[in-house]
């Protein structure tokens, strides 16, 4: 997801509750909104026992449900697709 405003953050929780990994791209919002989104994602991850992995510092994060992680192949496909959906 590439949110523009903080009020889009509920989608992070919704997807994690469905046991789906979220790729959070914060390059389209301002730095203050990006920080709030990252903080929200970290809090949600903690509450749901998920993990937050930095894919590109300050720009792209993977929030993986409990017990899930990104394989090197999926990471490579994400980078190649400029962090768009790769159907994993």
PDB file of N, CA and C in Angstrom:
ATOM      1  N   UNK A   1       0.832  -1.184   0.000  1.00  0.00           N
ATOM      2  CA  UNK A   1       0.000   0.000   0.000  1.00  0.00           C
ATOM      3  C   UNK A   1       0.872   1.241   0.000  1.00  0.00           C
ATOM      4  N   UNK A   2       0.395   2.263  -0.648  1.00  0.00           N
ATOM      5  CA  UNK A   2       1.099   3.537  -0.716  1.00  0.00           C
ATOM      6  C   UNK A   2       0.135   4.620  -0.231  1.00  0.00           C
ATOM      7  N   UNK A   3       0.043   4.795   1.071  1.00  0.00           N
ATOM      8  CA  UNK A   3      -0.919   5.778   1.601  1.00  0.00           C
ATOM      9  C   UNK A   3      -0.454   7.212   1.362  1.00  0.00           C
ATOM     10  N   UNK A   4      -1.431   8.087   1.249  1.00  0.00           N
ATOM     11  CA  UNK A   4      -1.162   9.511   1.110  1.00  0.00           C
ATOM     12  C   UNK A   4      -1.477  10.246   2.404  1.00  0.00           C
ATOM     13  N   UNK A   5      -2.382   9.676   3.205  1.00  0.00           N
ATOM     14  CA  UNK A   5      -2.812  10.305   4.448  1.00  0.00           C
ATOM     15  C   UNK A   5      -2.803   9.275   5.573  1.00  0.00           C
ATOM     16  N   UNK A   6      -2.697   9.758   6.790  1.00  0.00           N
ATOM     17  CA  UNK A   6      -2.657   8.873   7.943  1.00  0.00           C
ATOM     18  C   UNK A   6      -3.953   8.087   8.099  1.00  0.00           C
ATOM     19  N   UNK A   7      -5.076   8.645   7.697  1.00  0.00           N
ATOM     20  CA  UNK A   7      -6.353   7.964   7.908  1.00  0.00           C
ATOM     21  C   UNK A   7      -6.478   6.668   7.095  1.00  0.00           C
ATOM     22  N   UNK A   8      -5.515   6.363   6.267  1.00  0.00           N
ATOM     23  CA  UNK A   8      -5.507   5.114   5.518  1.00  0.00           C
ATOM     24  C   UNK A   8      -4.855   3.971   6.294  1.00  0.00           C
ATOM     25  N   UNK A   9      -4.383   4.264   7.497  1.00  0.00           N
ATOM     26  CA  UNK A   9      -3.608   3.281   8.255  1.00  0.00           C
ATOM     27  C   UNK A   9      -4.412   2.066   8.697  1.00  0.00           C
ATOM     28  N   UNK A  10      -5.709   2.164   8.822  1.00  0.00           N
ATOM     29  CA  UNK A  10      -6.512   1.029   9.261  1.00  0.00           C
ATOM     30  C   UNK A  10      -6.362  -0.157   8.308  1.00  0.00           C
ATOM     31  N   UNK A  11      -6.078   0.121   7.052  1.00  0.00           N
ATOM     32  CA  UNK A  11      -5.877  -0.955   6.069  1.00  0.00           C
ATOM     33  C   UNK A  11      -4.726  -1.868   6.464  1.00  0.00           C
ATOM     34  N   UNK A  12      -3.708  -1.322   7.148  1.00  0.00           N
ATOM     35  CA  UNK A  12      -2.581  -2.143   7.607  1.00  0.00           C
ATOM     36  C   UNK A  12      -3.105  -3.224   8.545  1.00  0.00           C
ATOM     37  N   UNK A  13      -3.867  -2.801   9.542  1.00  0.00           N
ATOM     38  CA  UNK A  13      -4.410  -3.738  10.519  1.00  0.00           C
ATOM     39  C   UNK A  13      -5.352  -4.729   9.858  1.00  0.00           C
ATOM     40  N   UNK A  14      -6.217  -4.241   8.979  1.00  0.00           N
ATOM     41  CA  UNK A  14      -7.171  -5.116   8.307  1.00  0.00           C
ATOM     42  C   UNK A  14      -6.458  -6.241   7.554  1.00  0.00           C
ATOM     43  N   UNK A  15      -5.402  -5.903   6.835  1.00  0.00           N
ATOM     44  CA  UNK A  15      -4.671  -6.905   6.057  1.00  0.00           C
ATOM     45  C   UNK A  15      -3.927  -7.891   6.960  1.00  0.00           C
ATOM     46  N   UNK A  16      -3.312  -7.405   8.022  1.00  0.00           N
ATOM     47  CA  UNK A  16      -2.610  -8.301   8.941  1.00  0.00           C
ATOM     48  C   UNK A  16      -3.579  -9.252   9.635  1.00  0.00           C
ATOM     49  N   UNK A  17      -4.762  -8.760   9.954  1.00  0.00           N
ATOM     50  CA  UNK A  17      -5.768  -9.635  10.574  1.00  0.00           C
ATOM     51  C   UNK A  17      -6.218 -10.738   9.618  1.00  0.00           C
ATOM     52  N   UNK A  18      -6.107 -10.488   8.318  1.00  0.00           N
ATOM     53  CA  UNK A  18      -6.414 -11.498   7.306  1.00  0.00           C
ATOM     54  C   UNK A  18      -5.202 -12.372   6.984  1.00  0.00           C
ATOM     55  N   UNK A  19      -4.147 -12.214   7.787  1.00  0.00           N
ATOM     56  CA  UNK A  19      -2.905 -12.978   7.644  1.00  0.00           C
ATOM     57  C   UNK A  19      -2.191 -12.678   6.321  1.00  0.00           C
ATOM     58  N   UNK A  20      -2.253 -11.420   5.900  1.00  0.00           N
ATOM     59  CA  UNK A  20      -1.598 -10.974   4.666  1.00  0.00           C
ATOM     60  C   UNK A  20      -0.438 -10.046   4.997  1.00  0.00           C
ATOM     61  N   UNK A  21       0.627 -10.189   4.266  1.00  0.00           N
ATOM     62  CA  UNK A  21       1.772  -9.298   4.409  1.00  0.00           C
ATOM     63  C   UNK A  21       1.442  -7.961   3.764  1.00  0.00           C
ATOM     64  N   UNK A  22       1.873  -6.881   4.402  1.00  0.00           N
ATOM     65  CA  UNK A  22       1.654  -5.531   3.883  1.00  0.00           C
ATOM     66  C   UNK A  22       3.004  -4.935   3.496  1.00  0.00           C
ATOM     67  N   UNK A  23       3.099  -4.458   2.279  1.00  0.00           N
ATOM     68  CA  UNK A  23       4.272  -3.694   1.850  1.00  0.00           C
ATOM     69  C   UNK A  23       3.856  -2.236   1.959  1.00  0.00           C
ATOM     70  N   UNK A  24       4.470  -1.526   2.885  1.00  0.00           N
ATOM     71  CA  UNK A  24       4.120  -0.136   3.165  1.00  0.00           C
ATOM     72  C   UNK A  24       5.157   0.780   2.522  1.00  0.00           C
ATOM     73  N   UNK A  25       4.702   1.567   1.555  1.00  0.00           N
ATOM     74  CA  UNK A  25       5.567   2.517   0.844  1.00  0.00           C
ATOM     75  C   UNK A  25       5.156   3.914   1.311  1.00  0.00           C
ATOM     76  N   UNK A  26       6.057   4.624   1.976  1.00  0.00           N
ATOM     77  CA  UNK A  26       5.714   5.922   2.572  1.00  0.00           C
ATOM     78  C   UNK A  26       6.342   7.098   1.833  1.00  0.00           C
ATOM     79  N   UNK A  27       6.662   6.906   0.571  1.00  0.00           N
ATOM     80  CA  UNK A  27       7.325   7.961  -0.192  1.00  0.00           C
ATOM     81  C   UNK A  27       6.365   9.008  -0.746  1.00  0.00           C
ATOM     82  N   UNK A  28       5.071   8.727  -0.753  1.00  0.00           N
ATOM     83  CA  UNK A  28       4.105   9.653  -1.335  1.00  0.00           C
ATOM     84  C   UNK A  28       3.457  10.587  -0.318  1.00  0.00           C
ATOM     85  N   UNK A  29       3.827  10.456   0.933  1.00  0.00           N
ATOM     86  CA  UNK A  29       3.273  11.334   1.963  1.00  0.00           C
ATOM     87  C   UNK A  29       4.428  12.115   2.604  1.00  0.00           C
ATOM     88  N   UNK A  30       4.105  13.146   3.316  1.00  0.00           N
ATOM     89  CA  UNK A  30       5.133  13.953   3.954  1.00  0.00           C
ATOM     90  C   UNK A  30       5.832  13.198   5.071  1.00  0.00           C
ATOM     91  N   UNK A  31       6.977  13.700   5.516  1.00  0.00           N
ATOM     92  CA  UNK A  31       7.757  13.005   6.541  1.00  0.00           C
ATOM     93  C   UNK A  31       7.006  12.821   7.865  1.00  0.00           C
ATOM     94  N   UNK A  32       6.186  13.778   8.258  1.00  0.00           N
ATOM     95  CA  UNK A  32       5.442  13.654   9.515  1.00  0.00           C
ATOM     96  C   UNK A  32       4.401  12.538   9.405  1.00  0.00           C
ATOM     97  N   UNK A  33       3.710  12.476   8.285  1.00  0.00           N
ATOM     98  CA  UNK A  33       2.712  11.421   8.070  1.00  0.00           C
ATOM     99  C   UNK A  33       3.416  10.067   7.956  1.00  0.00           C
ATOM    100  N   UNK A  34       4.532  10.031   7.260  1.00  0.00           N
ATOM    101  CA  UNK A  34       5.293   8.788   7.118  1.00  0.00           C
ATOM    102  C   UNK A  34       5.694   8.250   8.485  1.00  0.00           C
ATOM    103  N   UNK A  35       6.184   9.129   9.349  1.00  0.00           N
ATOM    104  CA  UNK A  35       6.600   8.707  10.694  1.00  0.00           C
ATOM    105  C   UNK A  35       5.409   8.151  11.473  1.00  0.00           C
ATOM    106  N   UNK A  36       4.271   8.815  11.380  1.00  0.00           N
ATOM    107  CA  UNK A  36       3.069   8.338  12.084  1.00  0.00           C
ATOM    108  C   UNK A  36       2.627   6.987  11.541  1.00  0.00           C
ATOM    109  N   UNK A  37       2.692   6.804  10.228  1.00  0.00           N
ATOM    110  CA  UNK A  37       2.311   5.527   9.634  1.00  0.00           C
ATOM    111  C   UNK A  37       3.242   4.398  10.094  1.00  0.00           C
ATOM    112  N   UNK A  38       4.522   4.685  10.129  1.00  0.00           N
ATOM    113  CA  UNK A  38       5.492   3.684  10.559  1.00  0.00           C
ATOM    114  C   UNK A  38       5.272   3.351  12.037  1.00  0.00           C
ATOM    115  N   UNK A  39       5.044   4.365  12.851  1.00  0.00           N
ATOM    116  CA  UNK A  39       4.760   4.128  14.272  1.00  0.00           C
ATOM    117  C   UNK A  39       3.490   3.308  14.448  1.00  0.00           C
ATOM    118  N   UNK A  40       2.448   3.626  13.676  1.00  0.00           N
ATOM    119  CA  UNK A  40       1.204   2.863  13.745  1.00  0.00           C
ATOM    120  C   UNK A  40       1.449   1.414  13.341  1.00  0.00           C
ATOM    121  N   UNK A  41       2.184   1.224  12.259  1.00  0.00           N
ATOM    122  CA  UNK A  41       2.477  -0.132  11.790  1.00  0.00           C
ATOM    123  C   UNK A  41       3.255  -0.916  12.838  1.00  0.00           C
ATOM    124  N   UNK A  42       4.204  -0.263  13.491  1.00  0.00           N
ATOM    125  CA  UNK A  42       4.990  -0.930  14.534  1.00  0.00           C
ATOM    126  C   UNK A  42       4.103  -1.326  15.715  1.00  0.00           C
ATOM    127  N   UNK A  43       3.198  -0.450  16.110  1.00  0.00           N
ATOM    128  CA  UNK A  43       2.284  -0.759  17.202  1.00  0.00           C
ATOM    129  C   UNK A  43       1.334  -1.892  16.846  1.00  0.00           C
ATOM    130  N   UNK A  44       0.813  -1.858  15.639  1.00  0.00           N
ATOM    131  CA  UNK A  44      -0.067  -2.922  15.165  1.00  0.00           C
ATOM    132  C   UNK A  44       0.689  -4.242  15.107  1.00  0.00           C
ATOM    133  N   UNK A  45       1.901  -4.189  14.587  1.00  0.00           N
ATOM    134  CA  UNK A  45       2.722  -5.400  14.498  1.00  0.00           C
ATOM    135  C   UNK A  45       2.958  -5.984  15.892  1.00  0.00           C
ATOM    136  N   UNK A  46       3.275  -5.137  16.840  1.00  0.00           N
ATOM    137  CA  UNK A  46       3.502  -5.616  18.204  1.00  0.00           C
ATOM    138  C   UNK A  46       2.241  -6.278  18.763  1.00  0.00           C
ATOM    139  N   UNK A  47       1.105  -5.638  18.589  1.00  0.00           N
ATOM    140  CA  UNK A  47      -0.151  -6.156  19.130  1.00  0.00           C
ATOM    141  C   UNK A  47      -0.552  -7.481  18.483  1.00  0.00           C
ATOM    142  N   UNK A  48      -0.249  -7.644  17.210  1.00  0.00           N
ATOM    143  CA  UNK A  48      -0.636  -8.853  16.483  1.00  0.00           C
ATOM    144  C   UNK A  48       0.511  -9.865  16.353  1.00  0.00           C
ATOM    145  N   UNK A  49       1.619  -9.594  17.033  1.00  0.00           N
ATOM    146  CA  UNK A  49       2.810 -10.449  16.992  1.00  0.00           C
ATOM    147  C   UNK A  49       3.367 -10.589  15.577  1.00  0.00           C
ATOM    148  N   UNK A  50       3.222  -9.547  14.799  1.00  0.00           N
ATOM    149  CA  UNK A  50       3.770  -9.500  13.440  1.00  0.00           C
ATOM    150  C   UNK A  50       5.180  -8.906  13.502  1.00  0.00           C
ATOM    151  N   UNK A  51       5.839  -8.844  12.372  1.00  0.00           N
ATOM    152  CA  UNK A  51       7.174  -8.253  12.313  1.00  0.00           C
ATOM    153  C   UNK A  51       7.197  -7.131  11.276  1.00  0.00           C
ATOM    154  N   UNK A  52       8.089  -6.178  11.502  1.00  0.00           N
ATOM    155  CA  UNK A  52       8.297  -5.089  10.549  1.00  0.00           C
ATOM    156  C   UNK A  52       9.732  -5.191  10.056  1.00  0.00           C
ATOM    157  N   UNK A  53       9.887  -5.310   8.755  1.00  0.00           N
ATOM    158  CA  UNK A  53      11.209  -5.382   8.137  1.00  0.00           C
ATOM    159  C   UNK A  53      11.410  -4.167   7.234  1.00  0.00           C
ATOM    160  N   UNK A  54      12.564  -3.561   7.327  1.00  0.00           N
ATOM    161  CA  UNK A  54      12.890  -2.436   6.453  1.00  0.00           C
ATOM    162  C   UNK A  54      13.395  -2.983   5.127  1.00  0.00           C
ATOM    163  N   UNK A  55      12.744  -2.582   4.056  1.00  0.00           N
ATOM    164  CA  UNK A  55      13.195  -2.970   2.721  1.00  0.00           C
ATOM    165  C   UNK A  55      14.031  -1.860   2.095  1.00  0.00           C
ATOM    166  N   UNK A  56      13.619  -0.619   2.320  1.00  0.00           N
ATOM    167  CA  UNK A  56      14.394   0.570   1.934  1.00  0.00           C
ATOM    168  C   UNK A  56      14.237   1.565   3.062  1.00  0.00           C
ATOM    169  N   UNK A  57      15.324   1.902   3.712  1.00  0.00           N
ATOM    170  CA  UNK A  57      15.261   2.762   4.887  1.00  0.00           C
ATOM    171  C   UNK A  57      14.535   4.072   4.593  1.00  0.00           C
ATOM    172  N   UNK A  58      13.545   4.359   5.433  1.00  0.00           N
ATOM    173  CA  UNK A  58      12.786   5.587   5.307  1.00  0.00           C
ATOM    174  C   UNK A  58      11.780   5.607   4.174  1.00  0.00           C
ATOM    175  N   UNK A  59      11.621   4.462   3.479  1.00  0.00           N
ATOM    176  CA  UNK A  59      10.748   4.473   2.310  1.00  0.00           C
ATOM    177  C   UNK A  59       9.814   3.274   2.207  1.00  0.00           C
ATOM    178  N   UNK A  60      10.336   2.059   2.424  1.00  0.00           N
ATOM    179  CA  UNK A  60       9.542   0.856   2.182  1.00  0.00           C
ATOM    180  C   UNK A  60       9.750  -0.143   3.318  1.00  0.00           C
ATOM    181  N   UNK A  61       8.617  -0.661   3.818  1.00  0.00           N
ATOM    182  CA  UNK A  61       8.637  -1.606   4.933  1.00  0.00           C
ATOM    183  C   UNK A  61       7.728  -2.774   4.618  1.00  0.00           C
ATOM    184  N   UNK A  62       8.102  -3.958   5.098  1.00  0.00           N
ATOM    185  CA  UNK A  62       7.252  -5.138   4.994  1.00  0.00           C
ATOM    186  C   UNK A  62       6.756  -5.456   6.397  1.00  0.00           C
ATOM    187  N   UNK A  63       5.446  -5.533   6.551  1.00  0.00           N
ATOM    188  CA  UNK A  63       4.852  -5.926   7.824  1.00  0.00           C
ATOM    189  C   UNK A  63       4.285  -7.317   7.593  1.00  0.00           C
ATOM    190  N   UNK A  64       4.910  -8.307   8.211  1.00  0.00           N
ATOM    191  CA  UNK A  64       4.558  -9.704   7.981  1.00  0.00           C
ATOM    192  C   UNK A  64       3.797 -10.259   9.176  1.00  0.00           C
ATOM    193  N   UNK A  65       2.712 -10.989   8.920  1.00  0.00           N
ATOM    194  CA  UNK A  65       1.961 -11.612  10.007  1.00  0.00           C
ATOM    195  C   UNK A  65       2.854 -12.567  10.802  1.00  0.00           C
ATOM    196  N   UNK A  66       2.415 -12.893  12.002  1.00  0.00           N
ATOM    197  CA  UNK A  66       3.144 -13.811  12.866  1.00  0.00           C
ATOM    198  C   UNK A  66       3.442 -15.113  12.124  1.00  0.00           C
ATOM    199  N   UNK A  67       4.706 -15.511  12.132  1.00  0.00           N
ATOM    200  CA  UNK A  67       5.119 -16.755  11.496  1.00  0.00           C
ATOM    201  C   UNK A  67       5.425 -16.652  10.016  1.00  0.00           C
ATOM    202  N   UNK A  68       5.248 -15.486   9.428  1.00  0.00           N
ATOM    203  CA  UNK A  68       5.519 -15.311   7.995  1.00  0.00           C
ATOM    204  C   UNK A  68       6.758 -14.445   7.799  1.00  0.00           C
ATOM    205  N   UNK A  69       7.391 -14.599   6.662  1.00  0.00           N
ATOM    206  CA  UNK A  69       8.525 -13.742   6.304  1.00  0.00           C
ATOM    207  C   UNK A  69       8.620 -13.695   4.788  1.00  0.00           C
ATOM    208  N   UNK A  70       9.418 -12.774   4.298  1.00  0.00           N
ATOM    209  CA  UNK A  70       9.612 -12.650   2.852  1.00  0.00           C
ATOM    210  C   UNK A  70      10.826 -13.470   2.435  1.00  0.00           C
ATOM    211  N   UNK A  71      10.637 -14.304   1.441  1.00  0.00           N
ATOM    212  CA  UNK A  71      11.763 -15.086   0.929  1.00  0.00           C
ATOM    213  C   UNK A  71      12.648 -14.179   0.085  1.00  0.00           C
ATOM    214  N   UNK A  72      13.894 -14.566  -0.125  1.00  0.00           N
ATOM    215  CA  UNK A  72      14.773 -13.770  -0.995  1.00  0.00           C
ATOM    216  C   UNK A  72      14.197 -13.602  -2.406  1.00  0.00           C
ATOM    217  N   UNK A  73      13.497 -14.616  -2.901  1.00  0.00           N
ATOM    218  CA  UNK A  73      12.904 -14.529  -4.235  1.00  0.00           C
ATOM    219  C   UNK A  73      11.811 -13.463  -4.284  1.00  0.00           C
ATOM    220  N   UNK A  74      10.972 -13.436  -3.257  1.00  0.00           N
ATOM    221  CA  UNK A  74       9.900 -12.431  -3.205  1.00  0.00           C
ATOM    222  C   UNK A  74      10.497 -11.042  -3.062  1.00  0.00           C
ATOM    223  N   UNK A  75      11.519 -10.910  -2.223  1.00  0.00           N
ATOM    224  CA  UNK A  75      12.199  -9.606  -2.082  1.00  0.00           C
ATOM    225  C   UNK A  75      12.722  -9.128  -3.433  1.00  0.00           C
ATOM    226  N   UNK A  76      13.346 -10.023  -4.175  1.00  0.00           N
ATOM    227  CA  UNK A  76      13.898  -9.660  -5.489  1.00  0.00           C
ATOM    228  C   UNK A  76      12.784  -9.244  -6.449  1.00  0.00           C
ATOM    229  N   UNK A  77      11.653  -9.965  -6.416  1.00  0.00           N
ATOM    230  CA  UNK A  77      10.528  -9.595  -7.281  1.00  0.00           C
ATOM    231  C   UNK A  77       9.943  -8.251  -6.886  1.00  0.00           C
ATOM    232  N   UNK A  78       9.886  -7.972  -5.591  1.00  0.00           N
ATOM    233  CA  UNK A  78       9.379  -6.677  -5.134  1.00  0.00           C
ATOM    234  C   UNK A  78      10.269  -5.537  -5.614  1.00  0.00           C
ATOM    235  N   UNK A  79      11.565  -5.707  -5.474  1.00  0.00           N
ATOM    236  CA  UNK A  79      12.500  -4.675  -5.930  1.00  0.00           C
ATOM    237  C   UNK A  79      12.365  -4.482  -7.437  1.00  0.00           C
ATOM    238  N   UNK A  80      12.284  -5.592  -8.176  1.00  0.00           N
ATOM    239  CA  UNK A  80      12.173  -5.511  -9.641  1.00  0.00           C
ATOM    240  C   UNK A  80      10.874  -4.825 -10.072  1.00  0.00           C
ATOM    241  N   UNK A  81       9.815  -4.972  -9.276  1.00  0.00           N
ATOM    242  CA  UNK A  81       8.528  -4.367  -9.626  1.00  0.00           C
ATOM    243  C   UNK A  81       8.347  -2.987  -9.007  1.00  0.00           C
ATOM    244  N   UNK A  82       9.414  -2.446  -8.410  1.00  0.00           N
ATOM    245  CA  UNK A  82       9.351  -1.159  -7.724  1.00  0.00           C
ATOM    246  C   UNK A  82       8.302  -1.179  -6.611  1.00  0.00           C
ATOM    247  N   UNK A  83       8.256  -2.304  -5.889  1.00  0.00           N
ATOM    248  CA  UNK A  83       7.394  -2.520  -4.724  1.00  0.00           C
ATOM    249  C   UNK A  83       5.908  -2.484  -5.046  1.00  0.00           C
ATOM    250  N   UNK A  84       5.554  -2.890  -6.255  1.00  0.00           N
ATOM    251  CA  UNK A  84       4.149  -3.066  -6.602  1.00  0.00           C
ATOM    252  C   UNK A  84       3.792  -4.516  -6.299  1.00  0.00           C
ATOM    253  N   UNK A  85       2.531  -4.846  -6.354  1.00  0.00           N
ATOM    254  CA  UNK A  85       2.066  -6.200  -6.060  1.00  0.00           C
ATOM    255  C   UNK A  85       2.738  -7.205  -6.973  1.00  0.00           C
ATOM    256  N   UNK A  86       3.217  -8.286  -6.368  1.00  0.00           N
ATOM    257  CA  UNK A  86       3.839  -9.346  -7.148  1.00  0.00           C
ATOM    258  C   UNK A  86       3.103 -10.672  -6.960  1.00  0.00           C
ATOM    259  N   UNK A  87       1.945 -10.614  -6.341  1.00  0.00           N
ATOM    260  CA  UNK A  87       1.105 -11.792  -6.212  1.00  0.00           C
ATOM    261  C   UNK A  87       1.682 -12.892  -5.362  1.00  0.00           C
ATOM    262  N   UNK A  88       2.258 -12.534  -4.227  1.00  0.00           N
ATOM    263  CA  UNK A  88       2.764 -13.614  -3.364  1.00  0.00           C
ATOM    264  C   UNK A  88       1.796 -13.909  -2.272  1.00  0.00           C
TER     265      UNK A  88
END
